[in-house]
Amino acid sequence: MSEPSQYSGMTINERLFVSRLIDAFDEAAKSKDRRKMIELLTDIAVEDAVASADAILGIPNR
């Protein structure tokens, strides 16, 4: 069995906040830097970082 994530039970915003990445993520989202958003979401163990970034940016499912 795998070890539980340090982010278990946290929302994306909570994960970004506790890892001190929220400002970087907000900046990436404001500038619509999808690549940077995916990188940051991956850093905080978001299971489907691509789909999450696309949803935040309003990009339809591919």
PDB file of N, CA and C in Angstrom:
ATOM      1  N   MET A   1       0.853  -1.180   0.000  1.00  0.00           N
ATOM      2  CA  MET A   1       0.000   0.000   0.000  1.00  0.00           C
ATOM      3  C   MET A   1       0.892   1.234   0.000  1.00  0.00           C
ATOM      4  N   SER A   2       0.514   2.253  -0.775  1.00  0.00           N
ATOM      5  CA  SER A   2       1.335   3.455  -0.862  1.00  0.00           C
ATOM      6  C   SER A   2       1.124   4.352   0.354  1.00  0.00           C
ATOM      7  N   GLU A   3       2.137   5.154   0.621  1.00  0.00           N
ATOM      8  CA  GLU A   3       2.096   6.083   1.737  1.00  0.00           C
ATOM      9  C   GLU A   3       1.128   7.220   1.412  1.00  0.00           C
ATOM     10  N   PRO A   4       0.329   7.665   2.399  1.00  0.00           N
ATOM     11  CA  PRO A   4      -0.605   8.759   2.127  1.00  0.00           C
ATOM     12  C   PRO A   4       0.145  10.050   1.779  1.00  0.00           C
ATOM     13  N   SER A   5      -0.421  10.819   0.874  1.00  0.00           N
ATOM     14  CA  SER A   5       0.168  12.087   0.464  1.00  0.00           C
ATOM     15  C   SER A   5       0.104  13.094   1.601  1.00  0.00           C
ATOM     16  N   GLN A   6       1.096  13.969   1.643  1.00  0.00           N
ATOM     17  CA  GLN A   6       1.067  15.040   2.641  1.00  0.00           C
ATOM     18  C   GLN A   6      -0.100  15.986   2.394  1.00  0.00           C
ATOM     19  N   TYR A   7      -0.681  15.919   1.210  1.00  0.00           N
ATOM     20  CA  TYR A   7      -1.795  16.789   0.837  1.00  0.00           C
ATOM     21  C   TYR A   7      -3.153  16.088   0.933  1.00  0.00           C
ATOM     22  N   SER A   8      -3.167  14.899   1.477  1.00  0.00           N
ATOM     23  CA  SER A   8      -4.398  14.124   1.566  1.00  0.00           C
ATOM     24  C   SER A   8      -5.515  14.938   2.218  1.00  0.00           C
ATOM     25  N   GLY A   9      -6.649  14.988   1.545  1.00  0.00           N
ATOM     26  CA  GLY A   9      -7.819  15.679   2.075  1.00  0.00           C
ATOM     27  C   GLY A   9      -7.832  17.179   1.843  1.00  0.00           C
ATOM     28  N   MET A  10      -6.814  17.724   1.205  1.00  0.00           N
ATOM     29  CA  MET A  10      -6.748  19.171   0.958  1.00  0.00           C
ATOM     30  C   MET A  10      -7.258  19.517  -0.430  1.00  0.00           C
ATOM     31  N   THR A  11      -7.849  20.689  -0.530  1.00  0.00           N
ATOM     32  CA  THR A  11      -8.239  21.219  -1.834  1.00  0.00           C
ATOM     33  C   THR A  11      -6.985  21.714  -2.558  1.00  0.00           C
ATOM     34  N   ILE A  12      -7.139  22.020  -3.833  1.00  0.00           N
ATOM     35  CA  ILE A  12      -6.012  22.562  -4.602  1.00  0.00           C
ATOM     36  C   ILE A  12      -5.532  23.865  -3.967  1.00  0.00           C
ATOM     37  N   ASN A  13      -6.445  24.743  -3.596  1.00  0.00           N
ATOM     38  CA  ASN A  13      -6.038  26.015  -2.981  1.00  0.00           C
ATOM     39  C   ASN A  13      -5.288  25.794  -1.674  1.00  0.00           C
ATOM     40  N   GLU A  14      -5.749  24.866  -0.866  1.00  0.00           N
ATOM     41  CA  GLU A  14      -5.049  24.571   0.389  1.00  0.00           C
ATOM     42  C   GLU A  14      -3.650  24.034   0.111  1.00  0.00           C
ATOM     43  N   ARG A  15      -3.531  23.164  -0.874  1.00  0.00           N
ATOM     44  CA  ARG A  15      -2.220  22.615  -1.235  1.00  0.00           C
ATOM     45  C   ARG A  15      -1.270  23.715  -1.702  1.00  0.00           C
ATOM     46  N   LEU A  16      -1.774  24.613  -2.554  1.00  0.00           N
ATOM     47  CA  LEU A  16      -0.955  25.718  -3.045  1.00  0.00           C
ATOM     48  C   LEU A  16      -0.522  26.624  -1.896  1.00  0.00           C
ATOM     49  N   PHE A  17      -1.422  26.874  -0.966  1.00  0.00           N
ATOM     50  CA  PHE A  17      -1.124  27.755   0.162  1.00  0.00           C
ATOM     51  C   PHE A  17      -0.048  27.167   1.073  1.00  0.00           C
ATOM     52  N   VAL A  18      -0.234  25.913   1.505  1.00  0.00           N
ATOM     53  CA  VAL A  18       0.722  25.322   2.450  1.00  0.00           C
ATOM     54  C   VAL A  18       2.093  25.097   1.815  1.00  0.00           C
ATOM     55  N   SER A  19       2.130  24.955   0.505  1.00  0.00           N
ATOM     56  CA  SER A  19       3.415  24.768  -0.171  1.00  0.00           C
ATOM     57  C   SER A  19       4.003  26.098  -0.660  1.00  0.00           C
ATOM     58  N   ARG A  20       3.342  27.187  -0.300  1.00  0.00           N
ATOM     59  CA  ARG A  20       3.798  28.545  -0.653  1.00  0.00           C
ATOM     60  C   ARG A  20       3.918  28.764  -2.167  1.00  0.00           C
ATOM     61  N   LEU A  21       3.020  28.135  -2.908  1.00  0.00           N
ATOM     62  CA  LEU A  21       3.019  28.274  -4.360  1.00  0.00           C
ATOM     63  C   LEU A  21       1.802  29.042  -4.873  1.00  0.00           C
ATOM     64  N   ILE A  22       0.977  29.522  -3.964  1.00  0.00           N
ATOM     65  CA  ILE A  22      -0.280  30.143  -4.396  1.00  0.00           C
ATOM     66  C   ILE A  22      -0.050  31.403  -5.223  1.00  0.00           C
ATOM     67  N   ASP A  23       0.930  32.228  -4.853  1.00  0.00           N
ATOM     68  CA  ASP A  23       1.194  33.443  -5.623  1.00  0.00           C
ATOM     69  C   ASP A  23       1.707  33.113  -7.022  1.00  0.00           C
ATOM     70  N   ALA A  24       2.597  32.130  -7.104  1.00  0.00           N
ATOM     71  CA  ALA A  24       3.119  31.717  -8.413  1.00  0.00           C
ATOM     72  C   ALA A  24       1.995  31.146  -9.278  1.00  0.00           C
ATOM     73  N   PHE A  25       1.095  30.384  -8.663  1.00  0.00           N
ATOM     74  CA  PHE A  25      -0.006  29.807  -9.417  1.00  0.00           C
ATOM     75  C   PHE A  25      -0.971  30.902  -9.884  1.00  0.00           C
ATOM     76  N   ASP A  26      -1.283  31.844  -8.997  1.00  0.00           N
ATOM     77  CA  ASP A  26      -2.169  32.943  -9.380  1.00  0.00           C
ATOM     78  C   ASP A  26      -1.595  33.726 -10.553  1.00  0.00           C
ATOM     79  N   GLU A  27      -0.301  33.986 -10.511  1.00  0.00           N
ATOM     80  CA  GLU A  27       0.358  34.714 -11.601  1.00  0.00           C
ATOM     81  C   GLU A  27       0.282  33.914 -12.908  1.00  0.00           C
ATOM     82  N   ALA A  28       0.531  32.610 -12.820  1.00  0.00           N
ATOM     83  CA  ALA A  28       0.449  31.756 -14.014  1.00  0.00           C
ATOM     84  C   ALA A  28      -0.975  31.750 -14.575  1.00  0.00           C
ATOM     85  N   ALA A  29      -1.959  31.685 -13.693  1.00  0.00           N
ATOM     86  CA  ALA A  29      -3.355  31.672 -14.146  1.00  0.00           C
ATOM     87  C   ALA A  29      -3.734  33.003 -14.784  1.00  0.00           C
ATOM     88  N   LYS A  30      -3.317  34.103 -14.167  1.00  0.00           N
ATOM     89  CA  LYS A  30      -3.632  35.428 -14.729  1.00  0.00           C
ATOM     90  C   LYS A  30      -3.021  35.611 -16.110  1.00  0.00           C
ATOM     91  N   SER A  31      -1.818  35.087 -16.291  1.00  0.00           N
ATOM     92  CA  SER A  31      -1.154  35.230 -17.584  1.00  0.00           C
ATOM     93  C   SER A  31      -1.480  34.076 -18.539  1.00  0.00           C
ATOM     94  N   LYS A  32      -2.373  33.185 -18.089  1.00  0.00           N
ATOM     95  CA  LYS A  32      -2.814  32.029 -18.885  1.00  0.00           C
ATOM     96  C   LYS A  32      -1.641  31.147 -19.319  1.00  0.00           C
ATOM     97  N   ASP A  33      -0.679  30.999 -18.403  1.00  0.00           N
ATOM     98  CA  ASP A  33       0.502  30.163 -18.655  1.00  0.00           C
ATOM     99  C   ASP A  33       0.166  28.722 -18.259  1.00  0.00           C
ATOM    100  N   ARG A  34      -0.463  28.018 -19.187  1.00  0.00           N
ATOM    101  CA  ARG A  34      -0.944  26.656 -18.935  1.00  0.00           C
ATOM    102  C   ARG A  34       0.188  25.720 -18.522  1.00  0.00           C
ATOM    103  N   ARG A  35       1.321  25.808 -19.197  1.00  0.00           N
ATOM    104  CA  ARG A  35       2.464  24.945 -18.877  1.00  0.00           C
ATOM    105  C   ARG A  35       2.910  25.129 -17.429  1.00  0.00           C
ATOM    106  N   LYS A  36       3.012  26.373 -16.973  1.00  0.00           N
ATOM    107  CA  LYS A  36       3.433  26.658 -15.596  1.00  0.00           C
ATOM    108  C   LYS A  36       2.379  26.181 -14.606  1.00  0.00           C
ATOM    109  N   MET A  37       1.115  26.367 -14.944  1.00  0.00           N
ATOM    110  CA  MET A  37       0.041  25.903 -14.063  1.00  0.00           C
ATOM    111  C   MET A  37       0.122  24.395 -13.882  1.00  0.00           C
ATOM    112  N   ILE A  38       0.316  23.666 -14.976  1.00  0.00           N
ATOM    113  CA  ILE A  38       0.413  22.210 -14.906  1.00  0.00           C
ATOM    114  C   ILE A  38       1.621  21.798 -14.078  1.00  0.00           C
ATOM    115  N   GLU A  39       2.733  22.483 -14.265  1.00  0.00           N
ATOM    116  CA  GLU A  39       3.941  22.193 -13.488  1.00  0.00           C
ATOM    117  C   GLU A  39       3.688  22.375 -11.985  1.00  0.00           C
ATOM    118  N   LEU A  40       3.049  23.478 -11.612  1.00  0.00           N
ATOM    119  CA  LEU A  40       2.776  23.737 -10.192  1.00  0.00           C
ATOM    120  C   LEU A  40       1.770  22.736  -9.627  1.00  0.00           C
ATOM    121  N   LEU A  41       0.743  22.412 -10.402  1.00  0.00           N
ATOM    122  CA  LEU A  41      -0.239  21.433  -9.932  1.00  0.00           C
ATOM    123  C   LEU A  41       0.394  20.054  -9.762  1.00  0.00           C
ATOM    124  N   THR A  42       1.307  19.710 -10.634  1.00  0.00           N
ATOM    125  CA  THR A  42       2.031  18.448 -10.509  1.00  0.00           C
ATOM    126  C   THR A  42       2.894  18.450  -9.246  1.00  0.00           C
ATOM    127  N   ASP A  43       3.520  19.590  -8.962  1.00  0.00           N
ATOM    128  CA  ASP A  43       4.360  19.717  -7.763  1.00  0.00           C
ATOM    129  C   ASP A  43       3.581  19.468  -6.484  1.00  0.00           C
ATOM    130  N   ILE A  44       2.286  19.766  -6.492  1.00  0.00           N
ATOM    131  CA  ILE A  44       1.485  19.568  -5.287  1.00  0.00           C
ATOM    132  C   ILE A  44       0.609  18.318  -5.382  1.00  0.00           C
ATOM    133  N   ALA A  45       0.988  17.413  -6.255  1.00  0.00           N
ATOM    134  CA  ALA A  45       0.371  16.086  -6.360  1.00  0.00           C
ATOM    135  C   ALA A  45      -1.105  16.101  -6.748  1.00  0.00           C
ATOM    136  N   VAL A  46      -1.474  17.012  -7.649  1.00  0.00           N
ATOM    137  CA  VAL A  46      -2.831  16.985  -8.201  1.00  0.00           C
ATOM    138  C   VAL A  46      -2.869  15.846  -9.211  1.00  0.00           C
ATOM    139  N   GLU A  47      -3.814  14.946  -9.025  1.00  0.00           N
ATOM    140  CA  GLU A  47      -3.852  13.713  -9.814  1.00  0.00           C
ATOM    141  C   GLU A  47      -3.937  13.965 -11.316  1.00  0.00           C
ATOM    142  N   ASP A  48      -4.807  14.846 -11.745  1.00  0.00           N
ATOM    143  CA  ASP A  48      -4.926  15.158 -13.169  1.00  0.00           C
ATOM    144  C   ASP A  48      -4.670  16.647 -13.365  1.00  0.00           C
ATOM    145  N   ALA A  49      -3.409  17.021 -13.311  1.00  0.00           N
ATOM    146  CA  ALA A  49      -3.008  18.427 -13.386  1.00  0.00           C
ATOM    147  C   ALA A  49      -3.443  19.074 -14.692  1.00  0.00           C
ATOM    148  N   VAL A  50      -3.377  18.331 -15.788  1.00  0.00           N
ATOM    149  CA  VAL A  50      -3.755  18.883 -17.098  1.00  0.00           C
ATOM    150  C   VAL A  50      -5.239  19.243 -17.111  1.00  0.00           C
ATOM    151  N   ALA A  51      -6.087  18.331 -16.688  1.00  0.00           N
ATOM    152  CA  ALA A  51      -7.534  18.592 -16.668  1.00  0.00           C
ATOM    153  C   ALA A  51      -7.874  19.724 -15.705  1.00  0.00           C
ATOM    154  N   SER A  52      -7.182  19.791 -14.577  1.00  0.00           N
ATOM    155  CA  SER A  52      -7.435  20.861 -13.611  1.00  0.00           C
ATOM    156  C   SER A  52      -7.052  22.216 -14.188  1.00  0.00           C
ATOM    157  N   ALA A  53      -5.886  22.295 -14.812  1.00  0.00           N
ATOM    158  CA  ALA A  53      -5.452  23.559 -15.420  1.00  0.00           C
ATOM    159  C   ALA A  53      -6.424  23.975 -16.522  1.00  0.00           C
ATOM    160  N   ASP A  54      -6.830  23.020 -17.348  1.00  0.00           N
ATOM    161  CA  ASP A  54      -7.766  23.323 -18.431  1.00  0.00           C
ATOM    162  C   ASP A  54      -9.104  23.818 -17.885  1.00  0.00           C
ATOM    163  N   ALA A  55      -9.581  23.209 -16.811  1.00  0.00           N
ATOM    164  CA  ALA A  55     -10.853  23.641 -16.206  1.00  0.00           C
ATOM    165  C   ALA A  55     -10.727  25.051 -15.671  1.00  0.00           C
ATOM    166  N   ILE A  56      -9.626  25.364 -15.023  1.00  0.00           N
ATOM    167  CA  ILE A  56      -9.420  26.715 -14.477  1.00  0.00           C
ATOM    168  C   ILE A  56      -9.362  27.746 -15.605  1.00  0.00           C
ATOM    169  N   LEU A  57      -8.732  27.367 -16.702  1.00  0.00           N
ATOM    170  CA  LEU A  57      -8.610  28.280 -17.839  1.00  0.00           C
ATOM    171  C   LEU A  57      -9.846  28.296 -18.730  1.00  0.00           C
ATOM    172  N   GLY A  58     -10.799  27.416 -18.455  1.00  0.00           N
ATOM    173  CA  GLY A  58     -12.016  27.360 -19.246  1.00  0.00           C
ATOM    174  C   GLY A  58     -11.825  26.687 -20.594  1.00  0.00           C
ATOM    175  N   ILE A  59     -10.838  25.806 -20.688  1.00  0.00           N
ATOM    176  CA  ILE A  59     -10.599  25.066 -21.927  1.00  0.00           C
ATOM    177  C   ILE A  59     -11.481  23.820 -21.903  1.00  0.00           C
ATOM    178  N   PRO A  60     -12.298  23.632 -22.937  1.00  0.00           N
ATOM    179  CA  PRO A  60     -13.183  22.448 -22.961  1.00  0.00           C
ATOM    180  C   PRO A  60     -12.392  21.135 -22.946  1.00  0.00           C
ATOM    181  N   ASN A  61     -13.051  20.084 -22.494  1.00  0.00           N
ATOM    182  CA  ASN A  61     -12.423  18.751 -22.504  1.00  0.00           C
ATOM    183  C   ASN A  61     -11.969  18.417 -23.906  1.00  0.00           C
ATOM    184  N   ARG A  62     -10.799  17.814 -23.993  1.00  0.00           N
ATOM    185  CA  ARG A  62     -10.240  17.475 -25.305  1.00  0.00           C
ATOM    186  C   ARG A  62     -10.572  16.066 -25.681  1.00  0.00           C
TER     187      ARG A  62
END
